Amino acid sequence: MSKLQWLRYSALAEGVSWLALLFVAMPLKYVWGDPSYVKTVGMTHGILFILLIVLLLQTFMEACIDKKEALIIFIASFLPFGTFFTDKSLRTVIIKKEALKV
């Protein structure tokens, strides 16, 4: 699996964990007063976010993606549903890179 594919999958996992934190764990904390879910989901999201940033830096430094694409992915990771919007462009980049190898 290429670094771009790892980046894409980590972005999707980070996006899912961000939504779980916002729409599942946080309501459970404030509606039912149970902060245990925020600790668990928050830690998972934090680890996935760090993984995403590390992979983003690696793919950028190895010139797999350009500066504009890296910046868009970085900003999108802070927005709910943001990484799902950047998924299409990442798939396009992966397809182009794979076509150049053949």
PDB file of N, CA and C in Angstrom:
ATOM      1  N   MET A   1       0.853  -1.177   0.000  1.00  0.00           N
ATOM      2  CA  MET A   1       0.000   0.000   0.000  1.00  0.00           C
ATOM      3  C   MET A   1       0.896   1.237   0.000  1.00  0.00           C
ATOM      4  N   SER A   2       0.564   2.215  -0.821  1.00  0.00           N
ATOM      5  CA  SER A   2       1.393   3.412  -0.941  1.00  0.00           C
ATOM      6  C   SER A   2       1.131   4.388   0.214  1.00  0.00           C
ATOM      7  N   LYS A   3       2.040   5.348   0.345  1.00  0.00           N
ATOM      8  CA  LYS A   3       1.871   6.360   1.400  1.00  0.00           C
ATOM      9  C   LYS A   3       0.608   7.184   1.179  1.00  0.00           C
ATOM     10  N   LEU A   4       0.262   7.415  -0.074  1.00  0.00           N
ATOM     11  CA  LEU A   4      -0.966   8.162  -0.356  1.00  0.00           C
ATOM     12  C   LEU A   4      -2.200   7.389   0.097  1.00  0.00           C
ATOM     13  N   GLN A   5      -2.182   6.088  -0.071  1.00  0.00           N
ATOM     14  CA  GLN A   5      -3.311   5.291   0.395  1.00  0.00           C
ATOM     15  C   GLN A   5      -3.372   5.294   1.922  1.00  0.00           C
ATOM     16  N   TRP A   6      -2.206   5.206   2.573  1.00  0.00           N
ATOM     17  CA  TRP A   6      -2.176   5.311   4.028  1.00  0.00           C
ATOM     18  C   TRP A   6      -2.721   6.668   4.479  1.00  0.00           C
ATOM     19  N   LEU A   7      -2.338   7.721   3.764  1.00  0.00           N
ATOM     20  CA  LEU A   7      -2.837   9.059   4.094  1.00  0.00           C
ATOM     21  C   LEU A   7      -4.353   9.117   3.944  1.00  0.00           C
ATOM     22  N   ARG A   8      -4.855   8.567   2.861  1.00  0.00           N
ATOM     23  CA  ARG A   8      -6.306   8.590   2.624  1.00  0.00           C
ATOM     24  C   ARG A   8      -7.064   7.841   3.713  1.00  0.00           C
ATOM     25  N   TYR A   9      -6.605   6.638   4.053  1.00  0.00           N
ATOM     26  CA  TYR A   9      -7.293   5.841   5.068  1.00  0.00           C
ATOM     27  C   TYR A   9      -7.181   6.467   6.455  1.00  0.00           C
ATOM     28  N   SER A  10      -6.034   7.054   6.743  1.00  0.00           N
ATOM     29  CA  SER A  10      -5.896   7.707   8.062  1.00  0.00           C
ATOM     30  C   SER A  10      -6.779   8.948   8.132  1.00  0.00           C
ATOM     31  N   ALA A  11      -6.937   9.662   7.019  1.00  0.00           N
ATOM     32  CA  ALA A  11      -7.822  10.827   6.994  1.00  0.00           C
ATOM     33  C   ALA A  11      -9.269  10.405   7.219  1.00  0.00           C
ATOM     34  N   LEU A  12      -9.664   9.309   6.599  1.00  0.00           N
ATOM     35  CA  LEU A  12     -11.034   8.820   6.798  1.00  0.00           C
ATOM     36  C   LEU A  12     -11.260   8.357   8.232  1.00  0.00           C
ATOM     37  N   ALA A  13     -10.287   7.650   8.793  1.00  0.00           N
ATOM     38  CA  ALA A  13     -10.408   7.196  10.183  1.00  0.00           C
ATOM     39  C   ALA A  13     -10.453   8.385  11.140  1.00  0.00           C
ATOM     40  N   GLU A  14      -9.619   9.384  10.881  1.00  0.00           N
ATOM     41  CA  GLU A  14      -9.624  10.588  11.718  1.00  0.00           C
ATOM     42  C   GLU A  14     -10.954  11.315  11.605  1.00  0.00           C
ATOM     43  N   GLY A  15     -11.518  11.356  10.409  1.00  0.00           N
ATOM     44  CA  GLY A  15     -12.807  12.008  10.213  1.00  0.00           C
ATOM     45  C   GLY A  15     -13.934  11.301  10.953  1.00  0.00           C
ATOM     46  N   VAL A  16     -13.911   9.982  10.929  1.00  0.00           N
ATOM     47  CA  VAL A  16     -14.930   9.206  11.644  1.00  0.00           C
ATOM     48  C   VAL A  16     -14.785   9.421  13.152  1.00  0.00           C
ATOM     49  N   SER A  17     -13.545   9.409  13.641  1.00  0.00           N
ATOM     50  CA  SER A  17     -13.337   9.607  15.086  1.00  0.00           C
ATOM     51  C   SER A  17     -13.745  11.009  15.515  1.00  0.00           C
ATOM     52  N   TRP A  18     -13.532  12.006  14.660  1.00  0.00           N
ATOM     53  CA  TRP A  18     -13.928  13.393  14.954  1.00  0.00           C
ATOM     54  C   TRP A  18     -15.444  13.491  15.055  1.00  0.00           C
ATOM     55  N   LEU A  19     -16.147  12.825  14.138  1.00  0.00           N
ATOM     56  CA  LEU A  19     -17.607  12.837  14.186  1.00  0.00           C
ATOM     57  C   LEU A  19     -18.130  12.082  15.402  1.00  0.00           C
ATOM     58  N   ALA A  20     -17.484  10.968  15.738  1.00  0.00           N
ATOM     59  CA  ALA A  20     -17.889  10.211  16.929  1.00  0.00           C
ATOM     60  C   ALA A  20     -17.693  11.046  18.190  1.00  0.00           C
ATOM     61  N   LEU A  21     -16.619  11.793  18.231  1.00  0.00           N
ATOM     62  CA  LEU A  21     -16.366  12.661  19.383  1.00  0.00           C
ATOM     63  C   LEU A  21     -17.426  13.759  19.476  1.00  0.00           C
ATOM     64  N   LEU A  22     -17.703  14.396  18.347  1.00  0.00           N
ATOM     65  CA  LEU A  22     -18.653  15.516  18.350  1.00  0.00           C
ATOM     66  C   LEU A  22     -20.103  15.096  18.554  1.00  0.00           C
ATOM     67  N   PHE A  23     -20.511  14.019  17.886  1.00  0.00           N
ATOM     68  CA  PHE A  23     -21.931  13.688  17.840  1.00  0.00           C
ATOM     69  C   PHE A  23     -22.348  12.506  18.708  1.00  0.00           C
ATOM     70  N   VAL A  24     -21.381  11.817  19.315  1.00  0.00           N
ATOM     71  CA  VAL A  24     -21.727  10.718  20.208  1.00  0.00           C
ATOM     72  C   VAL A  24     -21.196  10.994  21.616  1.00  0.00           C
ATOM     73  N   ALA A  25     -19.883  11.142  21.726  1.00  0.00           N
ATOM     74  CA  ALA A  25     -19.264  11.264  23.052  1.00  0.00           C
ATOM     75  C   ALA A  25     -19.631  12.569  23.757  1.00  0.00           C
ATOM     76  N   MET A  26     -19.590  13.680  23.034  1.00  0.00           N
ATOM     77  CA  MET A  26     -19.904  14.964  23.672  1.00  0.00           C
ATOM     78  C   MET A  26     -21.360  15.037  24.132  1.00  0.00           C
ATOM     79  N   PRO A  27     -22.341  14.619  23.315  1.00  0.00           N
ATOM     80  CA  PRO A  27     -23.717  14.612  23.833  1.00  0.00           C
ATOM     81  C   PRO A  27     -23.895  13.694  25.047  1.00  0.00           C
ATOM     82  N   LEU A  28     -23.227  12.536  25.042  1.00  0.00           N
ATOM     83  CA  LEU A  28     -23.319  11.657  26.211  1.00  0.00           C
ATOM     84  C   LEU A  28     -22.749  12.329  27.454  1.00  0.00           C
ATOM     85  N   LYS A  29     -21.710  13.109  27.260  1.00  0.00           N
ATOM     86  CA  LYS A  29     -21.104  13.808  28.407  1.00  0.00           C
ATOM     87  C   LYS A  29     -22.055  14.866  28.961  1.00  0.00           C
ATOM     88  N   TYR A  30     -22.636  15.660  28.079  1.00  0.00           N
ATOM     89  CA  TYR A  30     -23.435  16.791  28.555  1.00  0.00           C
ATOM     90  C   TYR A  30     -24.891  16.455  28.824  1.00  0.00           C
ATOM     91  N   VAL A  31     -25.432  15.443  28.176  1.00  0.00           N
ATOM     92  CA  VAL A  31     -26.831  15.084  28.412  1.00  0.00           C
ATOM     93  C   VAL A  31     -26.954  14.128  29.595  1.00  0.00           C
ATOM     94  N   TRP A  32     -26.108  13.090  29.607  1.00  0.00           N
ATOM     95  CA  TRP A  32     -26.191  12.098  30.671  1.00  0.00           C
ATOM     96  C   TRP A  32     -25.099  12.225  31.732  1.00  0.00           C
ATOM     97  N   GLY A  33     -24.222  13.193  31.545  1.00  0.00           N
ATOM     98  CA  GLY A  33     -23.180  13.428  32.537  1.00  0.00           C
ATOM     99  C   GLY A  33     -22.145  12.319  32.635  1.00  0.00           C
ATOM    100  N   ASP A  34     -21.865  11.647  31.532  1.00  0.00           N
ATOM    101  CA  ASP A  34     -20.891  10.552  31.519  1.00  0.00           C
ATOM    102  C   ASP A  34     -19.674  10.950  30.676  1.00  0.00           C
ATOM    103  N   PRO A  35     -18.601  11.453  31.312  1.00  0.00           N
ATOM    104  CA  PRO A  35     -17.430  11.902  30.552  1.00  0.00           C
ATOM    105  C   PRO A  35     -16.493  10.777  30.113  1.00  0.00           C
ATOM    106  N   SER A  36     -16.782   9.538  30.463  1.00  0.00           N
ATOM    107  CA  SER A  36     -15.863   8.446  30.131  1.00  0.00           C
ATOM    108  C   SER A  36     -15.721   8.247  28.617  1.00  0.00           C
ATOM    109  N   TYR A  37     -16.793   8.475  27.865  1.00  0.00           N
ATOM    110  CA  TYR A  37     -16.724   8.313  26.423  1.00  0.00           C
ATOM    111  C   TYR A  37     -15.836   9.371  25.782  1.00  0.00           C
ATOM    112  N   VAL A  38     -15.866  10.580  26.329  1.00  0.00           N
ATOM    113  CA  VAL A  38     -15.036  11.649  25.780  1.00  0.00           C
ATOM    114  C   VAL A  38     -13.561  11.314  25.962  1.00  0.00           C
ATOM    115  N   LYS A  39     -13.210  10.734  27.098  1.00  0.00           N
ATOM    116  CA  LYS A  39     -11.807  10.362  27.321  1.00  0.00           C
ATOM    117  C   LYS A  39     -11.361   9.306  26.315  1.00  0.00           C
ATOM    118  N   THR A  40     -12.168   8.290  26.124  1.00  0.00           N
ATOM    119  CA  THR A  40     -11.800   7.195  25.230  1.00  0.00           C
ATOM    120  C   THR A  40     -11.791   7.631  23.767  1.00  0.00           C
ATOM    121  N   VAL A  41     -12.884   8.219  23.333  1.00  0.00           N
ATOM    122  CA  VAL A  41     -12.986   8.639  21.931  1.00  0.00           C
ATOM    123  C   VAL A  41     -12.036   9.798  21.658  1.00  0.00           C
ATOM    124  N   GLY A  42     -11.870  10.681  22.625  1.00  0.00           N
ATOM    125  CA  GLY A  42     -10.953  11.811  22.463  1.00  0.00           C
ATOM    126  C   GLY A  42      -9.513  11.366  22.306  1.00  0.00           C
ATOM    127  N   MET A  43      -9.092  10.377  23.094  1.00  0.00           N
ATOM    128  CA  MET A  43      -7.736   9.851  22.973  1.00  0.00           C
ATOM    129  C   MET A  43      -7.536   9.177  21.614  1.00  0.00           C
ATOM    130  N   THR A  44      -8.524   8.409  21.200  1.00  0.00           N
ATOM    131  CA  THR A  44      -8.447   7.750  19.888  1.00  0.00           C
ATOM    132  C   THR A  44      -8.357   8.787  18.776  1.00  0.00           C
ATOM    133  N   HIS A  45      -9.179   9.803  18.860  1.00  0.00           N
ATOM    134  CA  HIS A  45      -9.159  10.861  17.854  1.00  0.00           C
ATOM    135  C   HIS A  45      -7.813  11.590  17.862  1.00  0.00           C
ATOM    136  N   GLY A  46      -7.279  11.859  19.025  1.00  0.00           N
ATOM    137  CA  GLY A  46      -5.990  12.543  19.118  1.00  0.00           C
ATOM    138  C   GLY A  46      -4.868  11.752  18.478  1.00  0.00           C
ATOM    139  N   ILE A  47      -4.845  10.454  18.717  1.00  0.00           N
ATOM    140  CA  ILE A  47      -3.814   9.602  18.110  1.00  0.00           C
ATOM    141  C   ILE A  47      -3.983   9.557  16.591  1.00  0.00           C
ATOM    142  N   LEU A  48      -5.212   9.426  16.117  1.00  0.00           N
ATOM    143  CA  LEU A  48      -5.458   9.399  14.678  1.00  0.00           C
ATOM    144  C   LEU A  48      -5.128  10.737  14.025  1.00  0.00           C
ATOM    145  N   PHE A  49      -5.370  11.835  14.735  1.00  0.00           N
ATOM    146  CA  PHE A  49      -5.035  13.157  14.199  1.00  0.00           C
ATOM    147  C   PHE A  49      -3.523  13.307  14.066  1.00  0.00           C
ATOM    148  N   ILE A  50      -2.777  12.883  15.073  1.00  0.00           N
ATOM    149  CA  ILE A  50      -1.318  12.961  15.004  1.00  0.00           C
ATOM    150  C   ILE A  50      -0.797  12.083  13.873  1.00  0.00           C
ATOM    151  N   LEU A  51      -1.355  10.888  13.727  1.00  0.00           N
ATOM    152  CA  LEU A  51      -0.965  10.005  12.625  1.00  0.00           C
ATOM    153  C   LEU A  51      -1.232  10.670  11.280  1.00  0.00           C
ATOM    154  N   LEU A  52      -2.377  11.305  11.151  1.00  0.00           N
ATOM    155  CA  LEU A  52      -2.716  12.000   9.908  1.00  0.00           C
ATOM    156  C   LEU A  52      -1.700  13.097   9.599  1.00  0.00           C
ATOM    157  N   ILE A  53      -1.343  13.892  10.585  1.00  0.00           N
ATOM    158  CA  ILE A  53      -0.402  14.989  10.364  1.00  0.00           C
ATOM    159  C   ILE A  53       0.979  14.453   9.989  1.00  0.00           C
ATOM    160  N   VAL A  54       1.421  13.387  10.651  1.00  0.00           N
ATOM    161  CA  VAL A  54       2.719  12.791  10.322  1.00  0.00           C
ATOM    162  C   VAL A  54       2.724  12.264   8.893  1.00  0.00           C
ATOM    163  N   LEU A  55       1.674  11.544   8.520  1.00  0.00           N
ATOM    164  CA  LEU A  55       1.588  11.023   7.153  1.00  0.00           C
ATOM    165  C   LEU A  55       1.459  12.147   6.131  1.00  0.00           C
ATOM    166  N   LEU A  56       0.752  13.194   6.491  1.00  0.00           N
ATOM    167  CA  LEU A  56       0.623  14.350   5.602  1.00  0.00           C
ATOM    168  C   LEU A  56       1.980  14.996   5.359  1.00  0.00           C
ATOM    169  N   LEU A  57       2.760  15.170   6.410  1.00  0.00           N
ATOM    170  CA  LEU A  57       4.105  15.733   6.263  1.00  0.00           C
ATOM    171  C   LEU A  57       5.005  14.824   5.427  1.00  0.00           C
ATOM    172  N   GLN A  58       4.926  13.519   5.661  1.00  0.00           N
ATOM    173  CA  GLN A  58       5.747  12.583   4.884  1.00  0.00           C
ATOM    174  C   GLN A  58       5.401  12.622   3.408  1.00  0.00           C
ATOM    175  N   THR A  59       4.130  12.592   3.083  1.00  0.00           N
ATOM    176  CA  THR A  59       3.737  12.595   1.674  1.00  0.00           C
ATOM    177  C   THR A  59       4.071  13.927   1.017  1.00  0.00           C
ATOM    178  N   PHE A  60       3.991  15.005   1.765  1.00  0.00           N
ATOM    179  CA  PHE A  60       4.354  16.312   1.210  1.00  0.00           C
ATOM    180  C   PHE A  60       5.859  16.396   0.977  1.00  0.00           C
ATOM    181  N   MET A  61       6.656  15.934   1.950  1.00  0.00           N
ATOM    182  CA  MET A  61       8.112  16.001   1.824  1.00  0.00           C
ATOM    183  C   MET A  61       8.630  15.109   0.696  1.00  0.00           C
ATOM    184  N   GLU A  62       7.943  14.010   0.440  1.00  0.00           N
ATOM    185  CA  GLU A  62       8.346  13.110  -0.632  1.00  0.00           C
ATOM    186  C   GLU A  62       7.748  13.508  -1.974  1.00  0.00           C
ATOM    187  N   ALA A  63       7.111  14.665  -2.021  1.00  0.00           N
ATOM    188  CA  ALA A  63       6.535  15.236  -3.239  1.00  0.00           C
ATOM    189  C   ALA A  63       5.440  14.364  -3.840  1.00  0.00           C
ATOM    190  N   CYS A  64       4.720  13.651  -2.988  1.00  0.00           N
ATOM    191  CA  CYS A  64       3.570  12.885  -3.478  1.00  0.00           C
ATOM    192  C   CYS A  64       2.360  13.799  -3.682  1.00  0.00           C
ATOM    193  N   ILE A  65       2.287  14.857  -2.880  1.00  0.00           N
ATOM    194  CA  ILE A  65       1.224  15.853  -3.031  1.00  0.00           C
ATOM    195  C   ILE A  65       1.855  17.232  -3.005  1.00  0.00           C
ATOM    196  N   ASP A  66       1.166  18.195  -3.591  1.00  0.00           N
ATOM    197  CA  ASP A  66       1.715  19.549  -3.626  1.00  0.00           C
ATOM    198  C   ASP A  66       1.300  20.340  -2.377  1.00  0.00           C
ATOM    199  N   LYS A  67       1.822  21.546  -2.280  1.00  0.00           N
ATOM    200  CA  LYS A  67       1.589  22.385  -1.096  1.00  0.00           C
ATOM    201  C   LYS A  67       0.116  22.720  -0.918  1.00  0.00           C
ATOM    202  N   LYS A  68      -0.564  23.027  -2.013  1.00  0.00           N
ATOM    203  CA  LYS A  68      -1.983  23.397  -1.947  1.00  0.00           C
ATOM    204  C   LYS A  68      -2.826  22.229  -1.426  1.00  0.00           C
ATOM    205  N   GLU A  69      -2.585  21.049  -1.962  1.00  0.00           N
ATOM    206  CA  GLU A  69      -3.345  19.870  -1.534  1.00  0.00           C
ATOM    207  C   GLU A  69      -3.082  19.555  -0.063  1.00  0.00           C
ATOM    208  N   ALA A  70      -1.827  19.649   0.355  1.00  0.00           N
ATOM    209  CA  ALA A  70      -1.479  19.386   1.758  1.00  0.00           C
ATOM    210  C   ALA A  70      -2.168  20.387   2.683  1.00  0.00           C
ATOM    211  N   LEU A  71      -2.199  21.641   2.295  1.00  0.00           N
ATOM    212  CA  LEU A  71      -2.841  22.671   3.108  1.00  0.00           C
ATOM    213  C   LEU A  71      -4.351  22.444   3.196  1.00  0.00           C
ATOM    214  N   ILE A  72      -4.953  22.049   2.092  1.00  0.00           N
ATOM    215  CA  ILE A  72      -6.395  21.782   2.091  1.00  0.00           C
ATOM    216  C   ILE A  72      -6.722  20.608   3.014  1.00  0.00           C
ATOM    217  N   ILE A  73      -5.929  19.549   2.946  1.00  0.00           N
ATOM    218  CA  ILE A  73      -6.155  18.387   3.812  1.00  0.00           C
ATOM    219  C   ILE A  73      -5.965  18.772   5.271  1.00  0.00           C
ATOM    220  N   PHE A  74      -4.936  19.578   5.557  1.00  0.00           N
ATOM    221  CA  PHE A  74      -4.679  20.009   6.925  1.00  0.00           C
ATOM    222  C   PHE A  74      -5.850  20.821   7.484  1.00  0.00           C
ATOM    223  N   ILE A  75      -6.326  21.787   6.724  1.00  0.00           N
ATOM    224  CA  ILE A  75      -7.441  22.622   7.182  1.00  0.00           C
ATOM    225  C   ILE A  75      -8.715  21.791   7.309  1.00  0.00           C
ATOM    226  N   ALA A  76      -8.941  20.887   6.357  1.00  0.00           N
ATOM    227  CA  ALA A  76     -10.148  20.057   6.382  1.00  0.00           C
ATOM    228  C   ALA A  76     -10.179  19.143   7.602  1.00  0.00           C
ATOM    229  N   SER A  77      -9.024  18.782   8.128  1.00  0.00           N
ATOM    230  CA  SER A  77      -9.005  17.889   9.287  1.00  0.00           C
ATOM    231  C   SER A  77      -9.562  18.556  10.543  1.00  0.00           C
ATOM    232  N   PHE A  78      -9.662  19.870  10.547  1.00  0.00           N
ATOM    233  CA  PHE A  78     -10.228  20.590  11.686  1.00  0.00           C
ATOM    234  C   PHE A  78     -11.739  20.778  11.577  1.00  0.00           C
ATOM    235  N   LEU A  79     -12.293  20.501  10.409  1.00  0.00           N
ATOM    236  CA  LEU A  79     -13.722  20.729  10.172  1.00  0.00           C
ATOM    237  C   LEU A  79     -14.488  19.413  10.215  1.00  0.00           C
ATOM    238  N   PRO A  80     -15.664  19.401  10.856  1.00  0.00           N
ATOM    239  CA  PRO A  80     -16.490  18.190  10.785  1.00  0.00           C
ATOM    240  C   PRO A  80     -16.837  17.893   9.328  1.00  0.00           C
ATOM    241  N   PHE A  81     -16.729  16.663   8.928  1.00  0.00           N
ATOM    242  CA  PHE A  81     -16.958  16.192   7.561  1.00  0.00           C
ATOM    243  C   PHE A  81     -15.903  16.689   6.569  1.00  0.00           C
ATOM    244  N   GLY A  82     -14.913  17.427   7.028  1.00  0.00           N
ATOM    245  CA  GLY A  82     -13.902  18.001   6.136  1.00  0.00           C
ATOM    246  C   GLY A  82     -13.078  16.968   5.407  1.00  0.00           C
ATOM    247  N   THR A  83     -12.641  15.938   6.108  1.00  0.00           N
ATOM    248  CA  THR A  83     -11.799  14.938   5.451  1.00  0.00           C
ATOM    249  C   THR A  83     -12.561  14.125   4.420  1.00  0.00           C
ATOM    250  N   PHE A  84     -13.880  14.064   4.555  1.00  0.00           N
ATOM    251  CA  PHE A  84     -14.670  13.333   3.570  1.00  0.00           C
ATOM    252  C   PHE A  84     -14.767  14.118   2.268  1.00  0.00           C
ATOM    253  N   PHE A  85     -14.698  15.445   2.350  1.00  0.00           N
ATOM    254  CA  PHE A  85     -14.715  16.270   1.144  1.00  0.00           C
ATOM    255  C   PHE A  85     -13.389  16.201   0.408  1.00  0.00           C
ATOM    256  N   THR A  86     -12.291  16.020   1.131  1.00  0.00           N
ATOM    257  CA  THR A  86     -10.981  15.940   0.484  1.00  0.00           C
ATOM    258  C   THR A  86     -10.680  14.538  -0.035  1.00  0.00           C
ATOM    259  N   ASP A  87     -11.510  13.568   0.310  1.00  0.00           N
ATOM    260  CA  ASP A  87     -11.268  12.187  -0.103  1.00  0.00           C
ATOM    261  C   ASP A  87     -11.273  12.040  -1.623  1.00  0.00           C
ATOM    262  N   LYS A  88     -12.151  12.734  -2.300  1.00  0.00           N
ATOM    263  CA  LYS A  88     -12.225  12.618  -3.753  1.00  0.00           C
ATOM    264  C   LYS A  88     -10.934  13.096  -4.406  1.00  0.00           C
ATOM    265  N   SER A  89     -10.395  14.203  -3.947  1.00  0.00           N
ATOM    266  CA  SER A  89      -9.150  14.696  -4.539  1.00  0.00           C
ATOM    267  C   SER A  89      -7.983  13.768  -4.222  1.00  0.00           C
ATOM    268  N   LEU A  90      -7.979  13.177  -3.031  1.00  0.00           N
ATOM    269  CA  LEU A  90      -6.927  12.216  -2.700  1.00  0.00           C
ATOM    270  C   LEU A  90      -7.014  10.980  -3.587  1.00  0.00           C
ATOM    271  N   ARG A  91      -8.222  10.489  -3.821  1.00  0.00           N
ATOM    272  CA  ARG A  91      -8.381   9.347  -4.717  1.00  0.00           C
ATOM    273  C   ARG A  91      -7.883   9.677  -6.117  1.00  0.00           C
ATOM    274  N   THR A  92      -8.156  10.893  -6.581  1.00  0.00           N
ATOM    275  CA  THR A  92      -7.696  11.316  -7.903  1.00  0.00           C
ATOM    276  C   THR A  92      -6.175  11.339  -7.962  1.00  0.00           C
ATOM    277  N   VAL A  93      -5.536  11.865  -6.924  1.00  0.00           N
ATOM    278  CA  VAL A  93      -4.071  11.897  -6.878  1.00  0.00           C
ATOM    279  C   VAL A  93      -3.513  10.483  -6.881  1.00  0.00           C
ATOM    280  N   ILE A  94      -4.118   9.589  -6.116  1.00  0.00           N
ATOM    281  CA  ILE A  94      -3.658   8.195  -6.058  1.00  0.00           C
ATOM    282  C   ILE A  94      -3.781   7.539  -7.428  1.00  0.00           C
ATOM    283  N   ILE A  95      -4.893   7.762  -8.109  1.00  0.00           N
ATOM    284  CA  ILE A  95      -5.101   7.170  -9.432  1.00  0.00           C
ATOM    285  C   ILE A  95      -4.067   7.691 -10.420  1.00  0.00           C
ATOM    286  N   LYS A  96      -3.787   8.991 -10.377  1.00  0.00           N
ATOM    287  CA  LYS A  96      -2.786   9.576 -11.283  1.00  0.00           C
ATOM    288  C   LYS A  96      -1.397   9.014 -11.003  1.00  0.00           C
ATOM    289  N   LYS A  97      -1.043   8.888  -9.729  1.00  0.00           N
ATOM    290  CA  LYS A  97       0.280   8.357  -9.371  1.00  0.00           C
ATOM    291  C   LYS A  97       0.403   6.896  -9.805  1.00  0.00           C
ATOM    292  N   GLU A  98      -0.664   6.126  -9.618  1.00  0.00           N
ATOM    293  CA  GLU A  98      -0.633   4.712 -10.017  1.00  0.00           C
ATOM    294  C   GLU A  98      -0.534   4.586 -11.532  1.00  0.00           C
ATOM    295  N   ALA A  99      -1.183   5.483 -12.271  1.00  0.00           N
ATOM    296  CA  ALA A  99      -1.129   5.439 -13.733  1.00  0.00           C
ATOM    297  C   ALA A  99       0.273   5.767 -14.227  1.00  0.00           C
ATOM    298  N   LEU A 100       1.006   6.621 -13.525  1.00  0.00           N
ATOM    299  CA  LEU A 100       2.367   6.970 -13.930  1.00  0.00           C
ATOM    300  C   LEU A 100       3.336   5.814 -13.703  1.00  0.00           C
ATOM    301  N   LYS A 101       3.041   4.948 -12.759  1.00  0.00           N
ATOM    302  CA  LYS A 101       3.930   3.816 -12.479  1.00  0.00           C
ATOM    303  C   LYS A 101       3.875   2.762 -13.566  1.00  0.00           C
ATOM    304  N   VAL A 102       2.723   2.653 -14.208  1.00  0.00           N
ATOM    305  CA  VAL A 102       2.547   1.595 -15.215  1.00  0.00           C
ATOM    306  C   VAL A 102       3.212   1.926 -16.489  1.00  0.00           C
TER     307      VAL A 102
END
